[in-house]
PDB file of all heavy atoms in Angstrom:
ATOM      1  N   GLU A   1      87.189 152.731  96.972  1.00  0.00           N
ATOM      2  CA  GLU A   1      86.544 151.517  97.265  1.00  0.00           C
ATOM      3  C   GLU A   1      85.243 151.372  96.355  1.00  0.00           C
ATOM      4  O   GLU A   1      84.994 150.276  95.812  1.00  0.00           O
ATOM      5  CB  GLU A   1      86.211 151.472  98.710  1.00  0.00           C
ATOM      6  CG  GLU A   1      87.410 151.292  99.569  1.00  0.00           C
ATOM      7  CD  GLU A   1      87.239 151.423 100.952  1.00  0.00           C
ATOM      8  OE1 GLU A   1      85.997 151.161 101.576  1.00  0.00           O
ATOM      9  OE2 GLU A   1      88.098 151.921 101.759  1.00  0.00           O
ATOM     10  N   PRO A   2      84.286 152.415  96.421  1.00  0.00           N
ATOM     11  CA  PRO A   2      83.155 152.263  95.583  1.00  0.00           C
ATOM     12  C   PRO A   2      83.435 152.232  94.001  1.00  0.00           C
ATOM     13  O   PRO A   2      82.766 151.530  93.338  1.00  0.00           O
ATOM     14  CB  PRO A   2      82.303 153.466  95.924  1.00  0.00           C
ATOM     15  CG  PRO A   2      83.259 154.551  96.585  1.00  0.00           C
ATOM     16  CD  PRO A   2      84.329 153.686  97.160  1.00  0.00           C
ATOM     17  N   GLN A   3      84.593 152.861  93.610  1.00  0.00           N
ATOM     18  CA  GLN A   3      84.908 152.775  92.206  1.00  0.00           C
ATOM     19  C   GLN A   3      85.218 151.225  91.807  1.00  0.00           C
ATOM     20  O   GLN A   3      84.946 150.841  90.879  1.00  0.00           O
ATOM     21  CB  GLN A   3      86.037 153.769  91.867  1.00  0.00           C
ATOM     22  CG  GLN A   3      86.449 153.666  90.391  1.00  0.00           C
ATOM     23  CD  GLN A   3      87.498 154.651  89.952  1.00  0.00           C
ATOM     24  OE1 GLN A   3      88.022 155.287  90.769  1.00  0.00           O
ATOM     25  NE2 GLN A   3      87.857 154.607  88.733  1.00  0.00           N
ATOM     26  N   GLU A   4      86.013 150.692  92.717  1.00  0.00           N
ATOM     27  CA  GLU A   4      86.410 149.348  92.510  1.00  0.00           C
ATOM     28  C   GLU A   4      85.187 148.289  92.523  1.00  0.00           C
ATOM     29  O   GLU A   4      85.106 147.505  91.777  1.00  0.00           O
ATOM     30  CB  GLU A   4      87.402 148.774  93.568  1.00  0.00           C
ATOM     31  CG  GLU A   4      88.822 149.369  93.307  1.00  0.00           C
ATOM     32  CD  GLU A   4      89.816 149.111  94.450  1.00  0.00           C
ATOM     33  OE1 GLU A   4      89.362 148.626  95.488  1.00  0.00           O
ATOM     34  OE2 GLU A   4      90.951 149.484  94.264  1.00  0.00           O
ATOM     35  N   ILE A   5      84.245 148.554  93.451  1.00  0.00           N
ATOM     36  CA  ILE A   5      83.039 147.775  93.535  1.00  0.00           C
ATOM     37  C   ILE A   5      82.212 147.932  92.228  1.00  0.00           C
ATOM     38  O   ILE A   5      81.747 147.005  91.567  1.00  0.00           O
ATOM     39  CB  ILE A   5      82.162 148.168  94.727  1.00  0.00           C
ATOM     40  CG1 ILE A   5      82.818 147.787  96.015  1.00  0.00           C
ATOM     41  CG2 ILE A   5      80.828 147.511  94.657  1.00  0.00           C
ATOM     42  CD1 ILE A   5      82.283 148.322  97.263  1.00  0.00           C
ATOM     43  N   ILE A   6      82.055 149.240  91.734  1.00  0.00           N
ATOM     44  CA  ILE A   6      81.323 149.469  90.486  1.00  0.00           C
ATOM     45  C   ILE A   6      82.033 148.809  89.335  1.00  0.00           C
ATOM     46  O   ILE A   6      81.374 148.183  88.514  1.00  0.00           O
ATOM     47  CB  ILE A   6      81.144 150.986  90.268  1.00  0.00           C
ATOM     48  CG1 ILE A   6      80.284 151.659  91.233  1.00  0.00           C
ATOM     49  CG2 ILE A   6      80.635 151.383  88.902  1.00  0.00           C
ATOM     50  CD1 ILE A   6      78.870 151.296  91.305  1.00  0.00           C
ATOM     51  N   ALA A   7      83.313 148.962  89.275  1.00  0.00           N
ATOM     52  CA  ALA A   7      84.072 148.406  88.210  1.00  0.00           C
ATOM     53  C   ALA A   7      83.991 146.773  88.209  1.00  0.00           C
ATOM     54  O   ALA A   7      83.652 146.215  87.102  1.00  0.00           O
ATOM     55  CB  ALA A   7      85.577 148.627  88.393  1.00  0.00           C
ATOM     56  N   ARG A   8      83.975 146.134  89.311  1.00  0.00           N
ATOM     57  CA  ARG A   8      83.838 144.716  89.359  1.00  0.00           C
ATOM     58  C   ARG A   8      82.460 144.268  88.874  1.00  0.00           C
ATOM     59  O   ARG A   8      82.253 143.201  88.234  1.00  0.00           O
ATOM     60  CB  ARG A   8      84.122 144.131  90.796  1.00  0.00           C
ATOM     61  CG  ARG A   8      85.577 144.035  91.137  1.00  0.00           C
ATOM     62  CD  ARG A   8      85.796 143.182  92.374  1.00  0.00           C
ATOM     63  NE  ARG A   8      84.944 143.627  93.550  1.00  0.00           N
ATOM     64  CZ  ARG A   8      85.415 144.553  94.475  1.00  0.00           C
ATOM     65  NH1 ARG A   8      86.548 145.114  94.358  1.00  0.00           N
ATOM     66  NH2 ARG A   8      84.601 144.874  95.463  1.00  0.00           N
ATOM     67  N   THR A   9      81.489 145.054  89.360  1.00  0.00           N
ATOM     68  CA  THR A   9      80.120 144.687  89.112  1.00  0.00           C
ATOM     69  C   THR A   9      79.675 144.926  87.657  1.00  0.00           C
ATOM     70  O   THR A   9      78.908 144.162  87.176  1.00  0.00           O
ATOM     71  CB  THR A   9      79.179 145.513  90.036  1.00  0.00           C
ATOM     72  OG1 THR A   9      79.472 145.292  91.333  1.00  0.00           O
ATOM     73  CG2 THR A   9      77.749 145.099  89.825  1.00  0.00           C
ATOM     74  N   TYR A  10      80.100 146.054  87.090  1.00  0.00           N
ATOM     75  CA  TYR A  10      79.598 146.444  85.687  1.00  0.00           C
ATOM     76  C   TYR A  10      80.684 146.483  84.683  1.00  0.00           C
ATOM     77  O   TYR A  10      80.299 146.907  83.505  1.00  0.00           O
ATOM     78  CB  TYR A  10      78.956 147.774  85.865  1.00  0.00           C
ATOM     79  CG  TYR A  10      77.833 147.836  86.834  1.00  0.00           C
ATOM     80  CD1 TYR A  10      77.880 148.362  88.054  1.00  0.00           C
ATOM     81  CD2 TYR A  10      76.618 147.258  86.470  1.00  0.00           C
ATOM     82  CE1 TYR A  10      76.895 148.441  88.951  1.00  0.00           C
ATOM     83  CE2 TYR A  10      75.454 147.293  87.256  1.00  0.00           C
ATOM     84  CZ  TYR A  10      75.597 147.817  88.521  1.00  0.00           C
ATOM     85  OH  TYR A  10      74.537 147.915  89.326  1.00  0.00           O
ATOM     86  N   ARG A  11      81.809 146.040  84.870  1.00  0.00           N
ATOM     87  CA  ARG A  11      82.979 146.102  83.864  1.00  0.00           C
ATOM     88  C   ARG A  11      82.586 145.513  82.532  1.00  0.00           C
ATOM     89  O   ARG A  11      82.786 146.219  81.460  1.00  0.00           O
ATOM     90  CB  ARG A  11      84.188 145.363  84.570  1.00  0.00           C
ATOM     91  CG  ARG A  11      85.381 145.474  83.503  1.00  0.00           C
ATOM     92  CD  ARG A  11      86.631 144.757  83.963  1.00  0.00           C
ATOM     93  NE  ARG A  11      86.870 144.884  85.463  1.00  0.00           N
ATOM     94  CZ  ARG A  11      87.514 145.828  86.070  1.00  0.00           C
ATOM     95  NH1 ARG A  11      87.971 146.774  85.383  1.00  0.00           N
ATOM     96  NH2 ARG A  11      87.687 145.806  87.321  1.00  0.00           N
ATOM     97  N   ASN A  12      81.946 144.365  82.474  1.00  0.00           N
ATOM     98  CA  ASN A  12      81.586 143.739  81.180  1.00  0.00           C
ATOM     99  C   ASN A  12      80.582 144.614  80.523  1.00  0.00           C
ATOM    100  O   ASN A  12      80.700 144.810  79.332  1.00  0.00           O
ATOM    101  CB  ASN A  12      81.177 142.311  81.406  1.00  0.00           C
ATOM    102  CG  ASN A  12      82.298 141.439  81.826  1.00  0.00           C
ATOM    103  OD1 ASN A  12      83.457 141.688  81.639  1.00  0.00           O
ATOM    104  ND2 ASN A  12      81.949 140.268  82.510  1.00  0.00           N
ATOM    105  N   LYS A  13      79.529 145.027  81.239  1.00  0.00           N
ATOM    106  CA  LYS A  13      78.441 145.822  80.587  1.00  0.00           C
ATOM    107  C   LYS A  13      78.904 147.184  80.119  1.00  0.00           C
ATOM    108  O   LYS A  13      78.671 147.571  79.016  1.00  0.00           O
ATOM    109  CB  LYS A  13      77.315 146.000  81.524  1.00  0.00           C
ATOM    110  CG  LYS A  13      76.456 144.883  81.702  1.00  0.00           C
ATOM    111  CD  LYS A  13      75.190 145.273  82.595  1.00  0.00           C
ATOM    112  CE  LYS A  13      74.230 144.114  82.834  1.00  0.00           C
ATOM    113  NZ  LYS A  13      73.084 144.410  83.748  1.00  0.00           N
ATOM    114  N   ASP A  14      79.839 147.727  80.932  1.00  0.00           N
ATOM    115  CA  ASP A  14      80.465 149.062  80.542  1.00  0.00           C
ATOM    116  C   ASP A  14      81.359 148.890  79.362  1.00  0.00           C
ATOM    117  O   ASP A  14      81.289 149.742  78.403  1.00  0.00           O
ATOM    118  CB  ASP A  14      81.210 149.659  81.756  1.00  0.00           C
ATOM    119  CG  ASP A  14      80.360 150.066  82.910  1.00  0.00           C
ATOM    120  OD1 ASP A  14      79.175 150.321  82.710  1.00  0.00           O
ATOM    121  OD2 ASP A  14      80.841 150.108  83.977  1.00  0.00           O
ATOM    122  N   ALA A  15      82.099 147.843  79.381  1.00  0.00           N
ATOM    123  CA  ALA A  15      83.056 147.636  78.269  1.00  0.00           C
ATOM    124  C   ALA A  15      82.207 147.336  77.018  1.00  0.00           C
ATOM    125  O   ALA A  15      82.633 147.981  75.876  1.00  0.00           O
ATOM    126  CB  ALA A  15      83.995 146.502  78.401  1.00  0.00           C
ATOM    127  N   THR A  16      81.173 146.717  76.974  1.00  0.00           N
ATOM    128  CA  THR A  16      80.280 146.363  75.801  1.00  0.00           C
ATOM    129  C   THR A  16      79.631 147.689  75.346  1.00  0.00           C
ATOM    130  O   THR A  16      79.643 148.030  74.120  1.00  0.00           O
ATOM    131  CB  THR A  16      79.282 145.364  76.161  1.00  0.00           C
ATOM    132  OG1 THR A  16      79.917 144.107  76.573  1.00  0.00           O
ATOM    133  CG2 THR A  16      78.361 145.140  74.948  1.00  0.00           C
ATOM    134  N   ARG A  17      79.207 148.541  76.251  1.00  0.00           N
ATOM    135  CA  ARG A  17      78.535 149.807  75.990  1.00  0.00           C
ATOM    136  C   ARG A  17      79.623 150.828  75.496  1.00  0.00           C
ATOM    137  O   ARG A  17      79.241 151.599  74.659  1.00  0.00           O
ATOM    138  CB  ARG A  17      77.838 150.407  77.245  1.00  0.00           C
ATOM    139  CG  ARG A  17      77.125 151.572  77.159  1.00  0.00           C
ATOM    140  CD  ARG A  17      76.555 152.079  78.472  1.00  0.00           C
ATOM    141  NE  ARG A  17      75.865 151.045  79.186  1.00  0.00           N
ATOM    142  CZ  ARG A  17      76.325 150.549  80.334  1.00  0.00           C
ATOM    143  NH1 ARG A  17      77.496 150.841  80.749  1.00  0.00           N
ATOM    144  NH2 ARG A  17      75.630 149.651  80.952  1.00  0.00           N
ATOM    145  N   GLY A  18      80.798 150.701  75.819  1.00  0.00           N
ATOM    146  CA  GLY A  18      81.764 151.596  75.538  1.00  0.00           C
ATOM    147  C   GLY A  18      81.762 152.995  76.259  1.00  0.00           C
ATOM    148  O   GLY A  18      80.816 153.243  76.969  1.00  0.00           O
ATOM    149  N   GLU A  19      82.788 153.747  75.944  1.00  0.00           N
ATOM    150  CA  GLU A  19      82.972 155.098  76.673  1.00  0.00           C
ATOM    151  C   GLU A  19      81.879 155.913  76.299  1.00  0.00           C
ATOM    152  O   GLU A  19      81.322 156.702  77.192  1.00  0.00           O
ATOM    153  CB  GLU A  19      84.312 155.640  76.304  1.00  0.00           C
ATOM    154  CG  GLU A  19      85.570 154.936  76.896  1.00  0.00           C
ATOM    155  CD  GLU A  19      86.830 155.548  76.399  1.00  0.00           C
ATOM    156  OE1 GLU A  19      86.823 156.549  75.661  1.00  0.00           O
ATOM    157  OE2 GLU A  19      87.836 154.940  76.690  1.00  0.00           O
ATOM    158  N   ILE A  20      81.613 156.079  75.045  1.00  0.00           N
ATOM    159  CA  ILE A  20      80.531 157.130  74.655  1.00  0.00           C
ATOM    160  C   ILE A  20      79.149 156.672  75.269  1.00  0.00           C
ATOM    161  O   ILE A  20      78.466 157.509  75.664  1.00  0.00           O
ATOM    162  CB  ILE A  20      80.474 157.245  73.100  1.00  0.00           C
ATOM    163  CG1 ILE A  20      81.827 157.806  72.617  1.00  0.00           C
ATOM    164  CG2 ILE A  20      79.282 158.115  72.681  1.00  0.00           C
ATOM    165  CD1 ILE A  20      82.231 159.180  73.103  1.00  0.00           C
ATOM    166  N   GLY A  21      78.835 155.409  75.010  1.00  0.00           N
ATOM    167  CA  GLY A  21      77.504 154.905  75.661  1.00  0.00           C
ATOM    168  C   GLY A  21      77.485 155.092  77.113  1.00  0.00           C
ATOM    169  O   GLY A  21      76.391 155.531  77.713  1.00  0.00           O
ATOM    170  N   THR A  22      78.676 154.865  77.894  1.00  0.00           N
ATOM    171  CA  THR A  22      78.450 155.070  79.260  1.00  0.00           C
ATOM    172  C   THR A  22      78.415 156.595  79.636  1.00  0.00           C
ATOM    173  O   THR A  22      77.607 156.942  80.504  1.00  0.00           O
ATOM    174  CB  THR A  22      79.824 154.508  79.900  1.00  0.00           C
ATOM    175  OG1 THR A  22      79.838 153.084  79.565  1.00  0.00           O
ATOM    176  CG2 THR A  22      79.918 154.637  81.315  1.00  0.00           C
ATOM    177  N   PHE A  23      79.120 157.334  78.830  1.00  0.00           N
ATOM    178  CA  PHE A  23      78.961 158.864  79.107  1.00  0.00           C
ATOM    179  C   PHE A  23      77.585 159.252  78.863  1.00  0.00           C
ATOM    180  O   PHE A  23      76.960 160.129  79.641  1.00  0.00           O
ATOM    181  CB  PHE A  23      79.894 159.581  78.167  1.00  0.00           C
ATOM    182  CG  PHE A  23      79.835 160.993  78.196  1.00  0.00           C
ATOM    183  CD1 PHE A  23      80.363 161.712  79.348  1.00  0.00           C
ATOM    184  CD2 PHE A  23      79.163 161.811  77.237  1.00  0.00           C
ATOM    185  CE1 PHE A  23      80.286 163.126  79.421  1.00  0.00           C
ATOM    186  CE2 PHE A  23      79.124 163.231  77.466  1.00  0.00           C
ATOM    187  CZ  PHE A  23      79.651 163.895  78.423  1.00  0.00           C
ATOM    188  N   VAL A  24      76.866 158.802  77.748  1.00  0.00           N
ATOM    189  CA  VAL A  24      75.474 159.201  77.465  1.00  0.00           C
ATOM    190  C   VAL A  24      74.583 158.771  78.785  1.00  0.00           C
ATOM    191  O   VAL A  24      73.655 159.608  79.103  1.00  0.00           O
ATOM    192  CB  VAL A  24      74.983 158.604  76.201  1.00  0.00           C
ATOM    193  CG1 VAL A  24      73.548 158.710  76.054  1.00  0.00           C
ATOM    194  CG2 VAL A  24      75.728 159.241  74.932  1.00  0.00           C
ATOM    195  N   TRP A  25      74.767 157.646  79.227  1.00  0.00           N
ATOM    196  CA  TRP A  25      73.999 157.228  80.387  1.00  0.00           C
ATOM    197  C   TRP A  25      74.254 158.186  81.554  1.00  0.00           C
ATOM    198  O   TRP A  25      73.310 158.574  82.304  1.00  0.00           O
ATOM    199  CB  TRP A  25      74.292 155.767  80.735  1.00  0.00           C
ATOM    200  CG  TRP A  25      73.546 154.888  79.987  1.00  0.00           C
ATOM    201  CD1 TRP A  25      73.885 154.161  78.882  1.00  0.00           C
ATOM    202  CD2 TRP A  25      72.104 154.481  80.201  1.00  0.00           C
ATOM    203  NE1 TRP A  25      72.845 153.289  78.393  1.00  0.00           N
ATOM    204  CE2 TRP A  25      71.719 153.449  79.295  1.00  0.00           C
ATOM    205  CE3 TRP A  25      71.169 154.813  81.144  1.00  0.00           C
ATOM    206  CZ2 TRP A  25      70.475 152.932  79.096  1.00  0.00           C
ATOM    207  CZ3 TRP A  25      69.871 154.268  81.072  1.00  0.00           C
ATOM    208  CH2 TRP A  25      69.539 153.339  80.110  1.00  0.00           C
ATOM    209  N   MET A  26      75.512 158.513  81.737  1.00  0.00           N
ATOM    210  CA  MET A  26      75.830 159.516  82.911  1.00  0.00           C
ATOM    211  C   MET A  26      75.142 160.778  82.722  1.00  0.00           C
ATOM    212  O   MET A  26      74.559 161.319  83.557  1.00  0.00           O
ATOM    213  CB  MET A  26      77.363 159.606  82.959  1.00  0.00           C
ATOM    214  CG  MET A  26      77.768 160.427  84.231  1.00  0.00           C
ATOM    215  SD  MET A  26      79.514 160.810  84.228  1.00  0.00           S
ATOM    216  CE  MET A  26      79.547 162.084  83.135  1.00  0.00           C
ATOM    217  N   VAL A  27      75.145 161.309  81.452  1.00  0.00           N
ATOM    218  CA  VAL A  27      74.586 162.570  81.237  1.00  0.00           C
ATOM    219  C   VAL A  27      73.055 162.456  81.454  1.00  0.00           C
ATOM    220  O   VAL A  27      72.354 163.415  82.021  1.00  0.00           O
ATOM    221  CB  VAL A  27      74.825 163.074  79.764  1.00  0.00           C
ATOM    222  CG1 VAL A  27      74.013 164.198  79.242  1.00  0.00           C
ATOM    223  CG2 VAL A  27      76.296 163.400  79.524  1.00  0.00           C
ATOM    224  N   GLU A  28      72.335 161.382  81.033  1.00  0.00           N
ATOM    225  CA  GLU A  28      71.000 161.121  81.440  1.00  0.00           C
ATOM    226  C   GLU A  28      70.709 161.249  82.934  1.00  0.00           C
ATOM    227  O   GLU A  28      69.727 161.858  83.264  1.00  0.00           O
ATOM    228  CB  GLU A  28      70.518 159.874  80.894  1.00  0.00           C
ATOM    229  CG  GLU A  28      69.073 159.620  81.077  1.00  0.00           C
ATOM    230  CD  GLU A  28      68.541 158.365  80.446  1.00  0.00           C
ATOM    231  OE1 GLU A  28      69.002 157.962  79.300  1.00  0.00           O
ATOM    232  OE2 GLU A  28      67.637 157.750  81.042  1.00  0.00           O
ATOM    233  N   GLU A  29      71.657 160.576  83.712  1.00  0.00           N
ATOM    234  CA  GLU A  29      71.411 160.720  85.205  1.00  0.00           C
ATOM    235  C   GLU A  29      71.588 162.037  85.689  1.00  0.00           C
ATOM    236  O   GLU A  29      70.921 162.448  86.579  1.00  0.00           O
ATOM    237  CB  GLU A  29      72.388 159.812  85.779  1.00  0.00           C
ATOM    238  CG  GLU A  29      72.090 158.279  85.605  1.00  0.00           C
ATOM    239  CD  GLU A  29      70.709 157.823  86.039  1.00  0.00           C
ATOM    240  OE1 GLU A  29      70.167 158.473  86.958  1.00  0.00           O
ATOM    241  OE2 GLU A  29      70.168 156.853  85.529  1.00  0.00           O
TER     242      GLU A  29
END
């Protein structure tokens, strides 16, 4: 459920950022 909510909310931003960019943000967190 939360994964689907996050995907719906941020899918476009995440896709634009890409896997590596998203991973870098996760590492920062």
